[in-house]
Amino acid sequence: MKLYHYVLRPNDVLKKGLYSFSAHKNADLSYYIKRSNAKTHDEVCQWMERCFEGRSRGVRAFTEPIKYTKNSIHCLKDFADKCDLFEIDVESLNKDGLIEAVYVSPSVLELQHFNKNTVDEILYKINGVEKIDFSPIDWSVCDDKLQRRFAFVRYYLLIIKGGIIDAKYLKKI
């Protein structure tokens, strides 16, 4: 079972592993500062943990690599082109007891009530990696005009013990 994660270049993921927000002390705080009113990395982590336990140790992952369309050149293609794509061996991570929990963020289009301008990262806990939905993602719903990169596609958040996925569980694609 494989999931996919994007990391901006340059990076040292194959040497040091894939860091969650809590483990990445030099992470870009700008997005989370707007959402949380926090000012420091520690304050953002505290805010994440108030959302739900383990949130700051989460690593976002997709069931397939990004597929952009002519309508998502800026929100998807430009993002993917700046990143390295890593395959995560979820089965081995799970077997080794390193996944504490799994959350899904469904497409906001699947939600009964949503405001495309305000809804942000809806996460539901699922009962283990066995419940990950590997059906194809409809990437055509992503549109540069909406300025929402991943709200319209399903993705997962793996809560990782220690907050770092060791490089032995990763493969650069």
C-alpha atoms as a PDB file:
ATOM      1  CA  MET A   1       0.000   0.000   0.000  1.00  0.00           C
ATOM      2  CA  LYS A   2       1.558   3.258  -1.164  1.00  0.00           C
ATOM      3  CA  LEU A   3       0.665   6.890  -0.588  1.00  0.00           C
ATOM      4  CA  TYR A   4       2.326   9.972  -2.072  1.00  0.00           C
ATOM      5  CA  HIS A   5       3.725  13.154  -0.547  1.00  0.00           C
ATOM      6  CA  TYR A   6       5.333  16.254  -2.108  1.00  0.00           C
ATOM      7  CA  VAL A   7       8.315  18.070  -0.561  1.00  0.00           C
ATOM      8  CA  LEU A   8       9.746  21.364  -1.824  1.00  0.00           C
ATOM      9  CA  ARG A   9      13.231  21.264  -3.328  1.00  0.00           C
ATOM     10  CA  PRO A  10      15.911  21.257  -2.100  1.00  0.00           C
ATOM     11  CA  ASN A  11      15.330  18.746   0.675  1.00  0.00           C
ATOM     12  CA  ASP A  12      17.147  16.019   2.558  1.00  0.00           C
ATOM     13  CA  VAL A  13      14.225  13.621   2.972  1.00  0.00           C
ATOM     14  CA  LEU A  14      16.177  10.559   1.840  1.00  0.00           C
ATOM     15  CA  LYS A  15      18.799  11.291   4.519  1.00  0.00           C
ATOM     16  CA  LYS A  16      16.734  12.574   7.449  1.00  0.00           C
ATOM     17  CA  GLY A  17      13.224  11.304   6.727  1.00  0.00           C
ATOM     18  CA  LEU A  18       9.916  13.038   6.122  1.00  0.00           C
ATOM     19  CA  TYR A  19       9.095  15.520   8.873  1.00  0.00           C
ATOM     20  CA  SER A  20       5.662  16.365  10.191  1.00  0.00           C
ATOM     21  CA  PHE A  21       4.986  19.976  11.163  1.00  0.00           C
ATOM     22  CA  SER A  22       5.983  19.395  14.807  1.00  0.00           C
ATOM     23  CA  ALA A  23       9.324  17.892  13.803  1.00  0.00           C
ATOM     24  CA  HIS A  24      10.072  20.593  11.202  1.00  0.00           C
ATOM     25  CA  LYS A  25      11.272  23.496  13.353  1.00  0.00           C
ATOM     26  CA  ASN A  26      12.007  25.626  10.263  1.00  0.00           C
ATOM     27  CA  ALA A  27       8.606  25.097   8.633  1.00  0.00           C
ATOM     28  CA  ASP A  28       6.907  28.003   6.903  1.00  0.00           C
ATOM     29  CA  LEU A  29       4.450  29.305   9.492  1.00  0.00           C
ATOM     30  CA  SER A  30       2.578  31.845   7.336  1.00  0.00           C
ATOM     31  CA  TYR A  31      -0.416  29.666   6.412  1.00  0.00           C
ATOM     32  CA  TYR A  32      -0.936  28.441   9.977  1.00  0.00           C
ATOM     33  CA  ILE A  33      -0.375  31.824  11.605  1.00  0.00           C
ATOM     34  CA  LYS A  34      -3.333  33.175   9.616  1.00  0.00           C
ATOM     35  CA  ARG A  35      -5.530  30.292  10.771  1.00  0.00           C
ATOM     36  CA  SER A  36      -4.415  30.067  14.396  1.00  0.00           C
ATOM     37  CA  ASN A  37      -3.263  33.572  15.402  1.00  0.00           C
ATOM     38  CA  ALA A  38      -0.116  31.887  16.751  1.00  0.00           C
ATOM     39  CA  LYS A  39       3.248  33.597  16.420  1.00  0.00           C
ATOM     40  CA  THR A  40       5.786  30.784  16.913  1.00  0.00           C
ATOM     41  CA  HIS A  41       6.297  27.205  15.783  1.00  0.00           C
ATOM     42  CA  ASP A  42       5.486  25.923  19.279  1.00  0.00           C
ATOM     43  CA  GLU A  43       2.270  27.974  19.402  1.00  0.00           C
ATOM     44  CA  VAL A  44       1.171  26.593  16.017  1.00  0.00           C
ATOM     45  CA  CYS A  45       1.863  23.045  17.277  1.00  0.00           C
ATOM     46  CA  GLN A  46      -0.200  23.751  20.406  1.00  0.00           C
ATOM     47  CA  TRP A  47      -3.062  25.049  18.240  1.00  0.00           C
ATOM     48  CA  MET A  48      -2.872  21.921  16.053  1.00  0.00           C
ATOM     49  CA  GLU A  49      -2.992  19.679  19.118  1.00  0.00           C
ATOM     50  CA  ARG A  50      -6.090  21.534  20.342  1.00  0.00           C
ATOM     51  CA  CYS A  51      -7.734  20.625  17.010  1.00  0.00           C
ATOM     52  CA  PHE A  52      -7.125  16.936  17.840  1.00  0.00           C
ATOM     53  CA  GLU A  53      -4.380  14.906  19.476  1.00  0.00           C
ATOM     54  CA  GLY A  54      -1.568  14.090  17.080  1.00  0.00           C
ATOM     55  CA  ARG A  55      -2.462  16.743  14.477  1.00  0.00           C
ATOM     56  CA  SER A  56       0.990  18.337  14.638  1.00  0.00           C
ATOM     57  CA  ARG A  57       2.592  14.929  13.919  1.00  0.00           C
ATOM     58  CA  GLY A  58       0.501  14.445  10.792  1.00  0.00           C
ATOM     59  CA  VAL A  59       1.876  13.936   7.288  1.00  0.00           C
ATOM     60  CA  ARG A  60      -0.461  14.679   4.358  1.00  0.00           C
ATOM     61  CA  ALA A  61      -0.597  12.025   1.657  1.00  0.00           C
ATOM     62  CA  PHE A  62      -2.471  11.309  -1.550  1.00  0.00           C
ATOM     63  CA  THR A  63      -3.478   7.943  -2.976  1.00  0.00           C
ATOM     64  CA  GLU A  64      -2.006   8.914  -6.342  1.00  0.00           C
ATOM     65  CA  PRO A  65       0.344  11.545  -7.764  1.00  0.00           C
ATOM     66  CA  ILE A  66      -1.153  14.922  -8.687  1.00  0.00           C
ATOM     67  CA  LYS A  67      -2.731  15.131 -12.135  1.00  0.00           C
ATOM     68  CA  TYR A  68      -3.220  18.723 -13.211  1.00  0.00           C
ATOM     69  CA  THR A  69      -5.426  20.034 -16.005  1.00  0.00           C
ATOM     70  CA  LYS A  70      -5.380  23.234 -18.051  1.00  0.00           C
ATOM     71  CA  ASN A  71      -7.493  24.797 -15.269  1.00  0.00           C
ATOM     72  CA  SER A  72      -5.051  23.919 -12.480  1.00  0.00           C
ATOM     73  CA  ILE A  73      -1.681  24.956 -13.923  1.00  0.00           C
ATOM     74  CA  HIS A  74      -0.918  27.374 -11.090  1.00  0.00           C
ATOM     75  CA  CYS A  75      -2.474  25.600  -8.107  1.00  0.00           C
ATOM     76  CA  LEU A  76      -1.278  22.072  -8.966  1.00  0.00           C
ATOM     77  CA  LYS A  77       1.333  21.991 -11.734  1.00  0.00           C
ATOM     78  CA  ASP A  78       3.389  24.910 -10.405  1.00  0.00           C
ATOM     79  CA  PHE A  79       3.307  23.340  -6.925  1.00  0.00           C
ATOM     80  CA  ALA A  80       4.286  19.844  -8.130  1.00  0.00           C
ATOM     81  CA  ASP A  81       7.055  21.200 -10.374  1.00  0.00           C
ATOM     82  CA  LYS A  82       8.777  22.785  -7.334  1.00  0.00           C
ATOM     83  CA  CYS A  83       8.689  19.541  -5.374  1.00  0.00           C
ATOM     84  CA  ASP A  84      10.092  16.055  -5.208  1.00  0.00           C
ATOM     85  CA  LEU A  85       7.479  13.311  -5.094  1.00  0.00           C
ATOM     86  CA  PHE A  86       7.901  10.589  -2.482  1.00  0.00           C
ATOM     87  CA  GLU A  87       6.153   7.264  -2.222  1.00  0.00           C
ATOM     88  CA  ILE A  88       5.366   6.239   1.357  1.00  0.00           C
ATOM     89  CA  ASP A  89       5.314   2.527   2.217  1.00  0.00           C
ATOM     90  CA  VAL A  90       2.228   2.702   4.434  1.00  0.00           C
ATOM     91  CA  GLU A  91       1.979  -1.049   4.874  1.00  0.00           C
ATOM     92  CA  SER A  92       5.477  -1.248   6.412  1.00  0.00           C
ATOM     93  CA  LEU A  93       4.886   1.837   8.564  1.00  0.00           C
ATOM     94  CA  ASN A  94       1.705   0.272   9.883  1.00  0.00           C
ATOM     95  CA  LYS A  95       3.304  -3.150  10.406  1.00  0.00           C
ATOM     96  CA  ASP A  96       6.065  -1.488  12.435  1.00  0.00           C
ATOM     97  CA  GLY A  97       3.469   0.270  14.624  1.00  0.00           C
ATOM     98  CA  LEU A  98       4.418   3.813  13.572  1.00  0.00           C
ATOM     99  CA  ILE A  99       0.976   5.019  12.469  1.00  0.00           C
ATOM    100  CA  GLU A 100      -1.027   6.277  15.457  1.00  0.00           C
ATOM    101  CA  ALA A 101      -4.110   7.274  13.473  1.00  0.00           C
ATOM    102  CA  VAL A 102      -5.373   8.008   9.969  1.00  0.00           C
ATOM    103  CA  TYR A 103      -7.641  10.892   8.990  1.00  0.00           C
ATOM    104  CA  VAL A 104      -9.300  11.590   5.654  1.00  0.00           C
ATOM    105  CA  SER A 105     -10.035  15.010   4.250  1.00  0.00           C
ATOM    106  CA  PRO A 106     -12.779  14.465   1.689  1.00  0.00           C
ATOM    107  CA  SER A 107     -13.369  16.775  -1.221  1.00  0.00           C
ATOM    108  CA  VAL A 108     -15.508  19.677  -0.048  1.00  0.00           C
ATOM    109  CA  LEU A 109     -17.732  18.788  -3.009  1.00  0.00           C
ATOM    110  CA  GLU A 110     -18.729  15.623  -1.083  1.00  0.00           C
ATOM    111  CA  LEU A 111     -19.875  17.597   1.960  1.00  0.00           C
ATOM    112  CA  GLN A 112     -23.557  18.454   2.246  1.00  0.00           C
ATOM    113  CA  HIS A 113     -22.991  22.005   3.426  1.00  0.00           C
ATOM    114  CA  PHE A 114     -19.888  23.902   2.567  1.00  0.00           C
ATOM    115  CA  ASN A 115     -18.833  27.374   1.625  1.00  0.00           C
ATOM    116  CA  LYS A 116     -16.025  27.086  -0.888  1.00  0.00           C
ATOM    117  CA  ASN A 117     -14.585  30.371   0.388  1.00  0.00           C
ATOM    118  CA  THR A 118     -14.378  29.438   4.066  1.00  0.00           C
ATOM    119  CA  VAL A 119     -14.256  25.655   4.440  1.00  0.00           C
ATOM    120  CA  ASP A 120     -10.738  24.522   5.127  1.00  0.00           C
ATOM    121  CA  GLU A 121      -9.292  21.092   5.817  1.00  0.00           C
ATOM    122  CA  ILE A 122     -12.144  18.979   7.112  1.00  0.00           C
ATOM    123  CA  LEU A 123     -10.657  15.851   8.722  1.00  0.00           C
ATOM    124  CA  TYR A 124     -12.443  12.681   9.816  1.00  0.00           C
ATOM    125  CA  LYS A 125     -10.732   9.865  11.675  1.00  0.00           C
ATOM    126  CA  ILE A 126     -10.974   6.504   9.931  1.00  0.00           C
ATOM    127  CA  ASN A 127     -10.424   3.028  11.363  1.00  0.00           C
ATOM    128  CA  GLY A 128      -6.927   2.301  10.100  1.00  0.00           C
ATOM    129  CA  VAL A 129      -5.033   2.182   6.846  1.00  0.00           C
ATOM    130  CA  GLU A 130      -7.333  -0.589   5.592  1.00  0.00           C
ATOM    131  CA  LYS A 131     -10.078   2.046   5.189  1.00  0.00           C
ATOM    132  CA  ILE A 132      -8.064   4.254   2.808  1.00  0.00           C
ATOM    133  CA  ASP A 133     -10.033   4.770  -0.405  1.00  0.00           C
ATOM    134  CA  PHE A 134      -7.866   4.114  -3.448  1.00  0.00           C
ATOM    135  CA  SER A 135     -10.553   4.914  -6.015  1.00  0.00           C
ATOM    136  CA  PRO A 136      -9.393   7.451  -8.634  1.00  0.00           C
ATOM    137  CA  ILE A 137      -9.310  11.113  -7.644  1.00  0.00           C
ATOM    138  CA  ASP A 138     -11.131  13.601  -9.873  1.00  0.00           C
ATOM    139  CA  TRP A 139      -8.382  16.210 -10.259  1.00  0.00           C
ATOM    140  CA  SER A 140     -10.453  18.109 -12.854  1.00  0.00           C
ATOM    141  CA  VAL A 141     -12.346  19.874 -10.040  1.00  0.00           C
ATOM    142  CA  CYS A 142      -9.189  21.804  -9.071  1.00  0.00           C
ATOM    143  CA  ASP A 143      -9.287  25.255 -10.602  1.00  0.00           C
ATOM    144  CA  ASP A 144      -6.819  28.139 -10.358  1.00  0.00           C
ATOM    145  CA  LYS A 145      -9.721  30.607 -10.106  1.00  0.00           C
ATOM    146  CA  LEU A 146     -10.813  29.085  -6.785  1.00  0.00           C
ATOM    147  CA  GLN A 147      -7.302  29.443  -5.258  1.00  0.00           C
ATOM    148  CA  ARG A 148      -7.787  26.294  -3.180  1.00  0.00           C
ATOM    149  CA  ARG A 149      -5.139  23.718  -3.950  1.00  0.00           C
ATOM    150  CA  PHE A 150      -6.356  20.584  -2.173  1.00  0.00           C
ATOM    151  CA  ALA A 151      -9.822  21.374  -0.775  1.00  0.00           C
ATOM    152  CA  PHE A 152     -11.510  19.746  -3.763  1.00  0.00           C
ATOM    153  CA  VAL A 153      -9.633  16.421  -3.707  1.00  0.00           C
ATOM    154  CA  ARG A 154      -9.505  13.645  -1.115  1.00  0.00           C
ATOM    155  CA  TYR A 155      -6.291  13.223   0.851  1.00  0.00           C
ATOM    156  CA  TYR A 156      -5.147  11.582   4.056  1.00  0.00           C
ATOM    157  CA  LEU A 157      -3.310  12.651   7.173  1.00  0.00           C
ATOM    158  CA  LEU A 158      -1.111   9.977   8.741  1.00  0.00           C
ATOM    159  CA  ILE A 159      -0.397  10.639  12.421  1.00  0.00           C
ATOM    160  CA  ILE A 160       3.155   9.362  12.914  1.00  0.00           C
ATOM    161  CA  LYS A 161       4.755   8.306  16.200  1.00  0.00           C
ATOM    162  CA  GLY A 162       7.619  10.724  16.790  1.00  0.00           C
ATOM    163  CA  GLY A 163       6.470  12.898  13.872  1.00  0.00           C
ATOM    164  CA  ILE A 164       9.101  11.656  11.380  1.00  0.00           C
ATOM    165  CA  ILE A 165       8.769   8.995   8.684  1.00  0.00           C
ATOM    166  CA  ASP A 166      12.192   7.380   8.445  1.00  0.00           C
ATOM    167  CA  ALA A 167      13.779   7.380   4.988  1.00  0.00           C
ATOM    168  CA  LYS A 168      13.633   3.562   4.846  1.00  0.00           C
ATOM    169  CA  TYR A 169       9.855   3.881   4.347  1.00  0.00           C
ATOM    170  CA  LEU A 170      10.246   6.349   1.463  1.00  0.00           C
ATOM    171  CA  LYS A 171      11.099   6.161  -2.207  1.00  0.00           C
ATOM    172  CA  LYS A 172      11.713   9.190  -4.420  1.00  0.00           C
ATOM    173  CA  ILE A 173       9.633   8.953  -7.603  1.00  0.00           C
END
